[in-house]
Amino acid sequence: MVKKFDFLVIGSGLAGMSFALKVAHKGNVALICKAGLEEANTYFAQGGISAVTNLKVDNFEKHIEDTMIAGDWINDPAAVGKVVREAPAQIQELVKWGVDFDKNEKGEFDLHKEGGHSEFRILHHKDNTGAEIQTSLIEAVKAHPNITLFTDHYAVEIITQHHLGIIVTRHTPGIKCFGAYVLNEKTGEVDTFLSKVTVMATGGCEAVYRNTTNPLVATGDGIAMVYRAKGAVKDMEFIQFHPTALFHPGDRPSFLITEAMRGYGAVLKNQDGEEFMQKYDPRLSLAPRDIVARAIDNEMKQRGEDHVYLDVTHKDPEETKKHFPNIYKKCLSLGIDITKDYIPVAPAAHYLCGGIKVDLDGQSSINRLYAIGECSCTGLHGGNRLASNSLIEAVVYADAAAKHALSVLDRYDFNEDIPEWNDEGTMNNEERVLITQSMKEVNQIMEAYVGIVRSNTRLIRAWNRLDILYEETERLFKRSKASRELCELRNMINIGYLITRQAMERKESRGLHYTIDYPHAATEKKS
């Protein structure tokens, strides 16, 4: 079946939904969602969203400086300036859409401070800011007559000249995106979605790791699709591991203990109850995430233990419950009263700083294709993301992409020559164990060899193992009908390959990429 929409948005997190809301007055929008609308990284973002709103003590220059320091000075200064300066206006947009940020008794935003920030500038809604934002936007999207939601639909491939029989390579100029082939999971059919403008907003890829805070739908689909379509992908080696995921064996994804808790005063301790961050950084438990994650990883490895503790028992119990109601409730369900007991934590894959390379308008290297949110590499984060900069990046770039797309929409038309999906000669894959076992292997390879601390030997081993899985999976894909699980496996292998290859190419320890083969690389400020 062929469907036509002015705008095709793949992904329904903050980036995808805010783009849809900003363009829907000018055309019809298809919003593709591979699971339920809540199943997005946005929903699970506890901490908050950063913006300079208290001009008495804060300013743009401070936020820019903090972002550059966290990113190890390999951020794109233009992207950093854009996001920081446009943040306050986008906060007002979110408020207009119904997002209820916490206020103090004076009616001003109740601002938090997180690791790496020099001032209090994190807006939040208790300890479930992402859920508040996502829920508000879902209501706005559902109410808009020009937005059609396609839940349980899975984008398999983006459509380019390649599907017209034209050979497309990484050096082909003027690659164009005409839409996407999308699997309807209810019917099992792959439909053709033709569009004038296509937007990737598919989120991150951290489900390629065994331990992750991300929903398990975060399999890097958009990045893998764009890479296969010969689009530019950048900085995939920079995977941020959140230092403090709740350690509870068997939980996947891991429950996140927000960085805001350390900002509030929680302290990291080893299993003997001793503080250890003084050995690693003068900022102690409020050092940037990469430093804290490596410190915890080192403590665990040296002591042969699988977790450390976060101690918030010295703080006022009622205040703690008020600030972190969801964390309190979750821990209590496991028999941990955070006002009296230490919280067991360990690092888990959390956020991707790289992705589909885009310009200041969110345009990818493929014409008519934008990428926004975590799947994109804007240059904002550089080598490491500053806490709470991701949600604001999503809305600022959704706004930029929407403005640009609206300015060029009249130049585009639908490409009616695109053939429908051909699965003739394929069969339903009955042996799901082939897929599920390969997924587990990808998780194990990435966790063991491409984790917080890396080495050339480990990366080469990962590369060789992933190559075998790639060959097996491509053979299976060619003879099977498309299924979400099989497509996700393909994408996970592609993502694992990209992270590994780009990690091998970076011959230094920089930002989130730390290798024992180049431990003393210079990290001074770059001019």
Protein backbone atom coordinates (compact mmCIF):
# COMPACT_ATOMS: atom_id res chain seq x y z
CA MET A 1 0.00 0.00 0.00
CA VAL A 2 1.24 3.52 -0.84
CA LYS A 3 0.60 6.44 1.53
CA LYS A 4 1.52 10.08 0.88
CA PHE A 5 2.31 12.74 3.45
CA ASP A 6 3.97 16.15 3.21
CA PHE A 7 6.04 15.28 6.30
CA LEU A 8 7.12 11.82 7.40
CA VAL A 9 8.44 11.82 10.98
CA ILE A 10 10.06 8.58 12.14
CA GLY A 11 10.15 8.54 15.94
CA SER A 12 7.82 9.91 18.59
CA GLY A 13 10.01 11.33 21.37
CA LEU A 14 10.37 15.00 22.18
CA ALA A 15 12.20 15.81 18.93
CA GLY A 16 9.75 14.04 16.61
CA MET A 17 6.59 15.27 18.29
CA SER A 18 7.71 18.88 18.63
CA PHE A 19 8.73 18.94 14.93
CA ALA A 20 5.31 17.52 13.98
CA LEU A 21 3.51 20.17 16.04
CA LYS A 22 5.58 22.96 14.47
CA VAL A 23 4.85 21.98 10.82
CA ALA A 24 1.35 20.50 10.96
CA HIS A 25 -0.35 23.83 10.19
CA LYS A 26 1.29 23.76 6.72
CA GLY A 27 0.76 20.13 5.68
CA ASN A 28 -0.21 16.64 6.72
CA VAL A 29 2.17 14.71 8.97
CA ALA A 30 2.69 10.98 9.45
CA LEU A 31 4.21 10.20 12.85
CA ILE A 32 5.72 6.69 12.85
CA CYS A 33 6.08 5.02 16.24
CA LYS A 34 7.45 1.49 16.51
CA ALA A 35 5.91 0.85 19.93
CA GLY A 36 3.61 2.85 22.22
CA LEU A 37 3.94 6.64 22.39
CA GLU A 38 5.46 6.51 25.88
CA GLU A 39 8.19 4.12 24.76
CA ALA A 40 10.76 6.87 24.07
CA ASN A 41 13.94 8.02 25.78
CA THR A 42 12.26 11.35 26.52
CA TYR A 43 9.79 9.59 28.79
CA PHE A 44 12.59 8.13 30.92
CA ALA A 45 14.62 11.36 31.30
CA GLN A 46 14.34 12.05 35.02
CA GLY A 47 16.68 14.93 35.69
CA GLY A 48 15.50 17.89 33.69
CA ILE A 49 16.13 20.32 30.86
CA SER A 50 18.83 23.01 30.96
CA ALA A 51 18.28 26.65 30.04
CA VAL A 52 19.51 30.03 31.25
CA THR A 53 16.41 31.52 32.89
CA ASN A 54 17.77 33.22 36.02
CA LEU A 55 19.67 36.16 34.52
CA LYS A 56 20.54 37.58 37.96
CA VAL A 57 23.27 34.96 38.43
CA ASP A 58 23.48 33.04 35.13
CA ASN A 59 24.24 33.94 31.51
CA PHE A 60 24.68 32.31 28.10
CA GLU A 61 28.48 32.52 28.25
CA LYS A 62 28.58 30.39 31.43
CA HIS A 63 26.31 27.72 29.91
CA ILE A 64 28.40 27.72 26.69
CA GLU A 65 31.63 27.36 28.69
CA ASP A 66 30.22 24.50 30.81
CA THR A 67 29.09 22.68 27.65
CA MET A 68 32.48 23.11 25.95
CA ILE A 69 34.37 21.89 29.03
CA ALA A 70 32.17 18.79 29.34
CA GLY A 71 32.61 18.09 25.60
CA ASP A 72 36.41 18.30 25.90
CA TRP A 73 36.46 21.27 23.51
CA ILE A 74 35.63 19.21 20.42
CA ASN A 75 32.08 20.53 20.32
CA ASP A 76 30.98 22.71 17.39
CA PRO A 77 30.91 26.23 18.93
CA ALA A 78 28.17 27.32 16.49
CA ALA A 79 25.90 24.47 17.62
CA VAL A 80 26.62 25.16 21.29
CA GLY A 81 25.84 28.87 20.91
CA LYS A 82 22.65 28.11 18.97
CA VAL A 83 21.22 25.70 21.54
CA VAL A 84 22.14 27.79 24.59
CA ARG A 85 20.85 31.09 23.16
CA GLU A 86 17.61 29.64 21.76
CA ALA A 87 16.84 27.53 24.84
CA PRO A 88 14.74 30.05 26.83
CA ALA A 89 12.32 30.62 23.92
CA GLN A 90 11.85 26.86 23.50
CA ILE A 91 11.15 26.47 27.22
CA GLN A 92 8.27 28.91 26.73
CA GLU A 93 7.03 26.77 23.81
CA LEU A 94 6.98 23.71 26.06
CA VAL A 95 5.06 25.63 28.71
CA LYS A 96 2.59 26.70 26.00
CA TRP A 97 2.10 23.01 25.10
CA GLY A 98 1.19 22.28 28.71
CA VAL A 99 4.47 21.22 30.34
CA ASP A 100 4.32 22.00 34.06
CA PHE A 101 7.81 22.77 35.39
CA ASP A 102 8.19 22.99 39.18
CA LYS A 103 8.10 26.49 40.68
CA ASN A 104 9.32 27.88 44.00
CA GLU A 105 7.22 29.84 46.48
CA LYS A 106 7.91 33.06 44.51
CA GLY A 107 6.42 31.53 41.38
CA GLU A 108 9.82 31.31 39.64
CA PHE A 109 11.24 28.13 38.11
CA ASP A 110 12.67 25.86 40.84
CA LEU A 111 16.13 25.36 39.35
CA HIS A 112 18.46 22.45 40.09
CA LYS A 113 22.21 22.14 39.59
CA GLU A 114 23.84 19.03 38.08
CA GLY A 115 27.38 17.79 37.47
CA GLY A 116 29.40 20.07 35.20
CA HIS A 117 27.03 23.06 35.53
CA SER A 118 28.43 26.18 37.19
CA GLU A 119 24.96 27.55 38.07
CA PHE A 120 21.47 26.38 39.00
CA ARG A 121 19.78 26.16 35.56
CA ILE A 122 17.99 22.80 35.36
CA LEU A 123 14.21 23.05 35.03
CA HIS A 124 12.40 19.93 36.18
CA HIS A 125 9.10 18.33 37.12
CA LYS A 126 9.89 16.42 40.32
CA ASP A 127 12.10 13.49 39.23
CA ASN A 128 10.15 12.60 36.09
CA THR A 129 10.64 15.64 33.86
CA GLY A 130 10.78 13.60 30.65
CA ALA A 131 7.50 11.85 31.39
CA GLU A 132 5.83 15.21 32.07
CA ILE A 133 7.09 16.61 28.74
CA GLN A 134 6.23 13.46 26.77
CA THR A 135 2.73 13.21 28.24
CA SER A 136 1.99 16.88 27.49
CA LEU A 137 3.17 16.57 23.89
CA ILE A 138 1.22 13.34 23.32
CA GLU A 139 -1.98 15.21 24.23
CA ALA A 140 -1.09 18.06 21.85
CA VAL A 141 -0.22 15.66 19.01
CA LYS A 142 -3.40 13.60 19.42
CA ALA A 143 -5.48 16.78 19.36
CA HIS A 144 -3.99 18.03 16.07
CA PRO A 145 -6.15 17.20 13.02
CA ASN A 146 -3.21 17.23 10.57
CA ILE A 147 -1.09 14.65 12.44
CA THR A 148 -1.76 10.95 11.82
CA LEU A 149 -0.22 8.57 14.36
CA PHE A 150 1.00 5.17 13.19
CA THR A 151 1.77 3.14 16.32
CA ASP A 152 3.24 -0.37 15.98
CA HIS A 153 4.77 0.66 12.66
CA TYR A 154 8.46 0.09 12.03
CA ALA A 155 10.57 1.90 9.44
CA VAL A 156 12.66 -0.69 7.57
CA GLU A 157 14.58 1.46 5.07
CA ILE A 158 14.55 5.03 3.82
CA ILE A 159 13.86 5.36 0.09
CA THR A 160 16.51 6.93 -2.18
CA GLN A 161 17.56 6.76 -5.86
CA HIS A 162 18.99 3.34 -4.98
CA HIS A 163 15.42 1.98 -5.08
CA LEU A 164 15.07 3.25 -8.66
CA GLY A 165 18.01 1.08 -9.74
CA ILE A 166 20.61 3.86 -9.55
CA ILE A 167 23.94 2.93 -7.96
CA VAL A 168 24.46 5.08 -4.84
CA THR A 169 27.80 5.22 -2.99
CA ARG A 170 29.17 7.38 -0.16
CA HIS A 171 30.63 9.67 -2.85
CA THR A 172 27.39 10.06 -4.84
CA PRO A 173 26.41 13.75 -4.86
CA GLY A 174 22.78 14.73 -4.34
CA ILE A 175 21.37 11.61 -2.68
CA LYS A 176 17.67 12.31 -2.05
CA CYS A 177 15.20 10.78 0.39
CA PHE A 178 11.69 10.17 -0.98
CA GLY A 179 10.15 8.55 2.11
CA ALA A 180 10.48 5.15 3.75
CA TYR A 181 9.36 1.55 3.60
CA VAL A 182 7.43 0.93 6.82
CA LEU A 183 6.38 -2.40 8.32
CA ASN A 184 2.83 -2.52 9.67
CA GLU A 185 3.25 -4.99 12.51
CA LYS A 186 -0.47 -5.77 12.66
CA THR A 187 -0.70 -6.88 9.01
CA GLY A 188 2.91 -7.98 8.48
CA GLU A 189 2.96 -5.93 5.26
CA VAL A 190 5.63 -3.36 4.32
CA ASP A 191 3.90 -0.17 3.13
CA THR A 192 5.44 2.60 1.03
CA PHE A 193 5.29 6.01 2.71
CA LEU A 194 6.10 8.74 0.18
CA SER A 195 6.94 12.17 1.57
CA LYS A 196 8.22 15.58 0.53
CA VAL A 197 10.26 15.83 3.74
CA THR A 198 11.45 12.99 5.99
CA VAL A 199 12.65 13.44 9.57
CA MET A 200 14.67 10.91 11.58
CA ALA A 201 13.87 11.25 15.27
CA THR A 202 14.51 7.64 16.28
CA GLY A 203 16.47 8.31 19.47
CA GLY A 204 19.55 6.50 20.72
CA CYS A 205 21.19 3.13 20.35
CA GLU A 206 22.13 2.06 23.87
CA ALA A 207 20.13 -1.20 23.70
CA VAL A 208 23.18 -2.56 21.85
CA TYR A 209 24.69 -2.81 25.37
CA ARG A 210 23.59 -5.39 27.93
CA ASN A 211 23.38 -2.82 30.75
CA THR A 212 21.43 0.25 29.67
CA THR A 213 19.05 2.81 31.12
CA ASN A 214 17.31 3.15 27.74
CA PRO A 215 14.04 1.50 26.73
CA LEU A 216 14.89 -1.61 24.71
CA VAL A 217 13.48 0.03 21.55
CA ALA A 218 16.68 2.15 21.45
CA THR A 219 18.36 0.00 18.80
CA GLY A 220 19.79 2.84 16.67
CA ASP A 221 17.34 2.26 13.81
CA GLY A 222 17.51 5.72 12.24
CA ILE A 223 21.30 5.89 12.33
CA ALA A 224 21.64 2.43 10.80
CA MET A 225 19.09 3.24 8.06
CA VAL A 226 20.88 6.46 7.13
CA TYR A 227 24.28 4.75 7.17
CA ARG A 228 23.00 2.02 4.84
CA ALA A 229 21.59 4.75 2.58
CA LYS A 230 25.18 6.17 2.41
CA GLY A 231 24.52 9.15 4.68
CA ALA A 232 27.22 10.65 6.94
CA VAL A 233 27.45 9.33 10.52
CA LYS A 234 29.87 10.85 13.05
CA ASP A 235 31.29 10.52 16.60
CA MET A 236 29.71 7.14 17.35
CA GLU A 237 32.57 6.27 19.72
CA PHE A 238 31.23 8.77 22.27
CA ILE A 239 28.77 6.66 24.28
CA GLN A 240 27.89 8.15 27.63
CA PHE A 241 27.57 5.67 30.48
CA HIS A 242 25.39 7.00 33.26
CA PRO A 243 27.38 6.46 36.46
CA THR A 244 24.41 5.68 38.70
CA ALA A 245 21.91 3.18 37.35
CA LEU A 246 20.14 1.20 40.07
CA PHE A 247 21.95 -2.11 40.46
CA HIS A 248 19.31 -4.84 40.46
CA PRO A 249 20.37 -7.95 38.52
CA GLY A 250 17.85 -9.05 35.93
CA ASP A 251 16.41 -5.57 35.31
CA ARG A 252 16.75 -4.54 31.68
CA PRO A 253 16.60 -1.62 31.16
CA SER A 254 18.21 -0.48 34.40
CA PHE A 255 16.31 2.06 36.49
CA LEU A 256 18.04 5.44 36.43
CA ILE A 257 19.10 7.23 39.61
CA THR A 258 19.19 10.79 38.31
CA GLU A 259 22.30 12.94 38.49
CA ALA A 260 20.12 15.50 40.26
CA MET A 261 20.40 13.29 43.35
CA ARG A 262 24.15 13.95 43.47
CA GLY A 263 23.42 17.62 42.86
CA TYR A 264 21.09 17.43 45.86
CA GLY A 265 23.91 16.07 48.03
CA ALA A 266 24.10 12.27 47.59
CA VAL A 267 27.63 10.86 47.96
CA LEU A 268 29.28 7.87 46.25
CA LYS A 269 30.78 5.20 48.54
CA ASN A 270 32.35 1.79 48.08
CA GLN A 271 30.91 -1.37 49.63
CA ASP A 272 32.84 -0.66 52.85
CA GLY A 273 30.98 2.64 53.14
CA GLU A 274 34.06 4.74 52.26
CA GLU A 275 33.97 7.73 49.91
CA PHE A 276 36.32 7.36 46.92
CA MET A 277 35.73 10.22 44.47
CA GLN A 278 38.47 12.32 46.14
CA LYS A 279 40.97 9.95 44.46
CA TYR A 280 39.71 10.90 41.01
CA ASP A 281 38.49 14.50 40.84
CA PRO A 282 38.33 17.60 43.09
CA ARG A 283 34.64 18.00 42.17
CA LEU A 284 34.01 14.66 43.95
CA SER A 285 30.55 13.19 43.22
CA LEU A 286 29.66 16.20 41.04
CA ALA A 287 32.42 15.62 38.47
CA PRO A 288 31.23 15.14 34.84
CA ARG A 289 29.66 11.80 34.05
CA ASP A 290 32.57 10.25 32.14
CA ILE A 291 34.95 10.83 35.06
CA VAL A 292 32.46 9.48 37.61
CA ALA A 293 31.61 6.44 35.45
CA ARG A 294 35.30 5.56 34.97
CA ALA A 295 35.95 6.06 38.70
CA ILE A 296 33.13 3.66 39.62
CA ASP A 297 34.26 1.19 36.92
CA ASN A 298 37.81 1.30 38.34
CA GLU A 299 36.64 0.83 41.94
CA MET A 300 34.49 -2.14 40.95
CA LYS A 301 37.30 -3.77 38.95
CA GLN A 302 39.96 -3.20 41.62
CA ARG A 303 37.74 -4.57 44.37
CA GLY A 304 36.14 -7.33 42.29
CA GLU A 305 32.64 -6.00 43.01
CA ASP A 306 29.65 -5.45 40.77
CA HIS A 307 28.33 -2.19 42.25
CA VAL A 308 29.03 0.75 44.55
CA TYR A 309 26.64 2.79 46.71
CA LEU A 310 24.99 6.20 46.60
CA ASP A 311 24.34 7.58 50.06
CA VAL A 312 21.60 10.17 50.62
CA THR A 313 20.77 9.13 54.21
CA HIS A 314 22.30 12.32 55.69
CA LYS A 315 19.69 14.51 53.97
CA ASP A 316 16.26 15.40 55.41
CA PRO A 317 14.01 12.35 54.74
CA GLU A 318 10.86 14.34 53.91
CA GLU A 319 12.80 16.64 51.57
CA THR A 320 14.30 13.60 49.81
CA LYS A 321 10.87 11.99 49.31
CA LYS A 322 9.48 15.27 47.97
CA HIS A 323 12.30 15.79 45.46
CA PHE A 324 12.60 12.16 44.31
CA PRO A 325 9.21 10.49 44.75
CA ASN A 326 9.62 7.99 41.90
CA ILE A 327 13.12 6.92 42.94
CA TYR A 328 11.92 6.56 46.55
CA LYS A 329 8.96 4.43 45.43
CA LYS A 330 11.01 2.23 43.06
CA CYS A 331 13.73 1.55 45.65
CA LEU A 332 11.15 0.87 48.35
CA SER A 333 9.56 -1.76 46.10
CA LEU A 334 12.93 -3.57 46.22
CA GLY A 335 13.24 -3.24 50.00
CA ILE A 336 15.55 -0.20 49.93
CA ASP A 337 14.46 2.86 51.93
CA ILE A 338 16.71 5.57 50.47
CA THR A 339 16.25 7.78 53.54
CA LYS A 340 17.89 5.04 55.67
CA ASP A 341 19.68 2.67 53.26
CA TYR A 342 22.46 3.11 50.72
CA ILE A 343 21.37 2.76 47.06
CA PRO A 344 23.33 0.13 45.06
CA VAL A 345 24.41 1.63 41.71
CA ALA A 346 26.58 0.75 38.71
CA PRO A 347 27.23 2.47 35.35
CA ALA A 348 25.01 1.67 32.35
CA ALA A 349 24.98 2.82 28.70
CA HIS A 350 22.85 5.93 28.67
CA TYR A 351 23.33 8.43 25.84
CA LEU A 352 24.90 8.74 22.40
CA CYS A 353 26.77 11.99 21.63
CA GLY A 354 27.31 11.11 17.95
CA GLY A 355 24.90 10.02 15.23
CA ILE A 356 23.66 11.24 11.86
CA LYS A 357 25.74 14.28 10.94
CA VAL A 358 23.58 17.40 10.54
CA ASP A 359 24.04 21.12 9.97
CA LEU A 360 22.57 23.99 11.99
CA ASP A 361 19.17 23.42 10.33
CA GLY A 362 19.13 19.73 11.23
CA GLN A 363 19.76 18.71 7.60
CA SER A 364 21.60 15.44 7.04
CA SER A 365 23.99 14.78 4.13
CA ILE A 366 20.98 13.30 2.25
CA ASN A 367 18.68 15.89 0.64
CA ARG A 368 15.13 16.17 2.02
CA LEU A 369 16.17 14.20 5.12
CA TYR A 370 16.53 15.82 8.56
CA ALA A 371 17.76 14.21 11.77
CA ILE A 372 16.93 15.60 15.21
CA GLY A 373 17.19 14.47 18.81
CA GLU A 374 19.56 11.78 20.03
CA CYS A 375 19.97 10.07 16.64
CA SER A 376 21.61 13.23 15.26
CA CYS A 377 25.13 14.57 15.71
CA THR A 378 24.74 18.34 15.87
CA GLY A 379 28.14 19.03 17.42
CA LEU A 380 26.56 20.31 20.66
CA HIS A 381 27.99 17.55 22.85
CA GLY A 382 31.47 17.06 21.41
CA GLY A 383 33.18 14.28 23.35
CA ASN A 384 30.71 14.18 26.24
CA ARG A 385 27.22 15.49 26.97
CA LEU A 386 26.69 18.01 29.76
CA ALA A 387 23.82 16.82 31.99
CA SER A 388 20.31 17.87 30.87
CA ASN A 389 21.49 19.36 27.55
CA SER A 390 19.80 16.64 25.48
CA LEU A 391 16.13 17.57 25.88
CA ILE A 392 16.82 21.22 25.07
CA GLU A 393 18.90 20.20 22.02
CA ALA A 394 15.93 18.16 20.78
CA VAL A 395 13.49 21.09 20.87
CA VAL A 396 15.92 23.71 19.53
CA TYR A 397 16.84 21.53 16.53
CA ALA A 398 13.23 20.45 15.97
CA ASP A 399 12.43 24.16 15.70
CA ALA A 400 15.35 24.80 13.30
CA ALA A 401 14.46 21.79 11.12
CA ALA A 402 10.78 22.80 11.05
CA LYS A 403 11.60 26.36 9.95
CA HIS A 404 13.95 25.13 7.22
CA ALA A 405 11.59 22.39 6.00
CA LEU A 406 8.68 24.84 5.76
CA SER A 407 10.85 27.27 3.76
CA VAL A 408 11.64 24.65 1.09
CA LEU A 409 8.50 22.47 1.11
CA ASP A 410 7.05 24.04 -2.06
CA ARG A 411 10.14 22.98 -4.05
CA TYR A 412 9.47 19.29 -3.47
CA ASP A 413 6.97 16.82 -4.84
CA PHE A 414 6.28 13.13 -4.35
CA ASN A 415 8.32 10.68 -6.40
CA GLU A 416 5.64 8.48 -7.94
CA ASP A 417 8.14 6.11 -9.59
CA ILE A 418 9.15 4.38 -6.36
CA PRO A 419 8.45 0.63 -6.54
CA GLU A 420 6.56 -1.04 -3.72
CA TRP A 421 8.44 -3.32 -1.31
CA ASN A 422 9.28 -6.65 -2.92
CA ASP A 423 9.44 -9.69 -0.64
CA GLU A 424 8.76 -12.27 -3.33
CA GLY A 425 10.54 -15.56 -2.72
CA THR A 426 11.03 -14.90 1.01
CA MET A 427 9.51 -16.85 3.86
CA ASN A 428 8.46 -16.23 7.42
CA ASN A 429 11.36 -16.91 9.72
CA GLU A 430 10.20 -19.59 12.15
CA GLU A 431 13.44 -19.90 14.10
CA ARG A 432 13.30 -16.83 16.32
CA VAL A 433 16.15 -18.27 18.38
CA LEU A 434 18.50 -17.29 15.52
CA ILE A 435 17.55 -13.64 16.10
CA THR A 436 17.29 -13.56 19.89
CA GLN A 437 20.59 -15.38 20.38
CA SER A 438 22.38 -13.02 17.97
CA MET A 439 20.95 -10.03 19.85
CA LYS A 440 22.38 -11.40 23.10
CA GLU A 441 25.74 -11.87 21.38
CA VAL A 442 25.76 -8.22 20.22
CA ASN A 443 24.98 -7.13 23.81
CA GLN A 444 27.79 -9.27 25.22
CA ILE A 445 30.34 -8.16 22.60
CA MET A 446 29.62 -4.46 23.16
CA GLU A 447 29.55 -4.73 26.95
CA ALA A 448 32.82 -6.68 27.17
CA TYR A 449 34.91 -5.04 24.45
CA VAL A 450 33.49 -1.58 23.62
CA GLY A 451 32.48 -0.34 27.08
CA ILE A 452 33.63 2.42 29.45
CA VAL A 453 37.33 1.48 29.12
CA ARG A 454 38.63 0.18 25.78
CA SER A 455 41.79 -1.17 24.15
CA ASN A 456 42.92 -1.90 20.61
CA THR A 457 42.89 -5.64 21.33
CA ARG A 458 39.29 -5.54 22.63
CA LEU A 459 38.09 -3.39 19.72
CA ILE A 460 39.63 -5.72 17.12
CA ARG A 461 37.98 -8.69 18.81
CA ALA A 462 34.60 -6.90 18.77
CA TRP A 463 35.07 -6.03 15.07
CA ASN A 464 35.78 -9.66 14.13
CA ARG A 465 32.85 -11.04 16.14
CA LEU A 466 30.43 -8.45 14.73
CA ASP A 467 31.58 -9.25 11.18
CA ILE A 468 30.51 -12.88 11.57
CA LEU A 469 27.10 -11.81 12.93
CA TYR A 470 26.71 -9.31 10.08
CA GLU A 471 27.23 -11.97 7.38
CA GLU A 472 24.85 -14.41 9.07
CA THR A 473 22.14 -11.79 9.59
CA GLU A 474 22.27 -10.36 6.05
CA ARG A 475 21.82 -13.88 4.64
CA LEU A 476 18.84 -14.40 6.97
CA PHE A 477 17.33 -11.01 6.02
CA LYS A 478 17.50 -11.74 2.28
CA ARG A 479 15.55 -15.00 2.59
CA SER A 480 13.02 -13.91 5.27
CA LYS A 481 9.98 -11.66 5.35
CA ALA A 482 10.72 -8.41 7.20
CA SER A 483 10.00 -8.52 10.93
CA ARG A 484 10.69 -5.92 13.57
CA GLU A 485 13.02 -8.23 15.50
CA LEU A 486 15.09 -9.12 12.43
CA CYS A 487 15.35 -5.47 11.36
CA GLU A 488 16.35 -4.43 14.89
CA LEU A 489 19.08 -7.08 14.90
CA ARG A 490 20.42 -5.78 11.57
CA ASN A 491 20.46 -2.26 12.97
CA MET A 492 22.13 -3.28 16.24
CA ILE A 493 24.94 -5.00 14.33
CA ASN A 494 25.37 -1.90 12.11
CA ILE A 495 25.50 0.32 15.20
CA GLY A 496 27.96 -1.95 17.01
CA TYR A 497 30.17 -1.85 13.92
CA LEU A 498 30.02 1.96 13.71
CA ILE A 499 30.83 2.46 17.42
CA THR A 500 33.71 -0.01 17.17
CA ARG A 501 35.13 1.35 13.92
CA GLN A 502 35.01 4.99 14.97
CA ALA A 503 36.54 4.04 18.35
CA MET A 504 39.39 2.29 16.49
CA GLU A 505 39.94 5.41 14.36
CA ARG A 506 40.29 7.73 17.38
CA LYS A 507 43.89 7.18 18.49
CA GLU A 508 43.56 9.07 21.77
CA SER A 509 41.60 9.10 24.99
CA ARG A 510 39.13 11.93 24.60
CA GLY A 511 35.82 12.71 26.26
CA LEU A 512 33.82 9.51 26.65
CA HIS A 513 36.26 7.46 24.57
CA TYR A 514 38.88 6.13 26.96
CA THR A 515 41.45 3.57 25.83
CA ILE A 516 44.31 2.05 27.82
CA ASP A 517 46.48 2.21 24.67
CA TYR A 518 46.39 6.04 24.58
CA PRO A 519 45.81 7.02 28.23
CA HIS A 520 47.72 10.30 28.31
CA ALA A 521 46.29 12.17 25.33
CA ALA A 522 46.19 15.94 25.70
CA THR A 523 42.80 17.32 26.70
CA GLU A 524 43.61 20.99 27.10
CA LYS A 525 41.39 23.71 25.73
CA LYS A 526 41.60 23.80 21.94
CA SER A 527 41.75 27.15 20.22
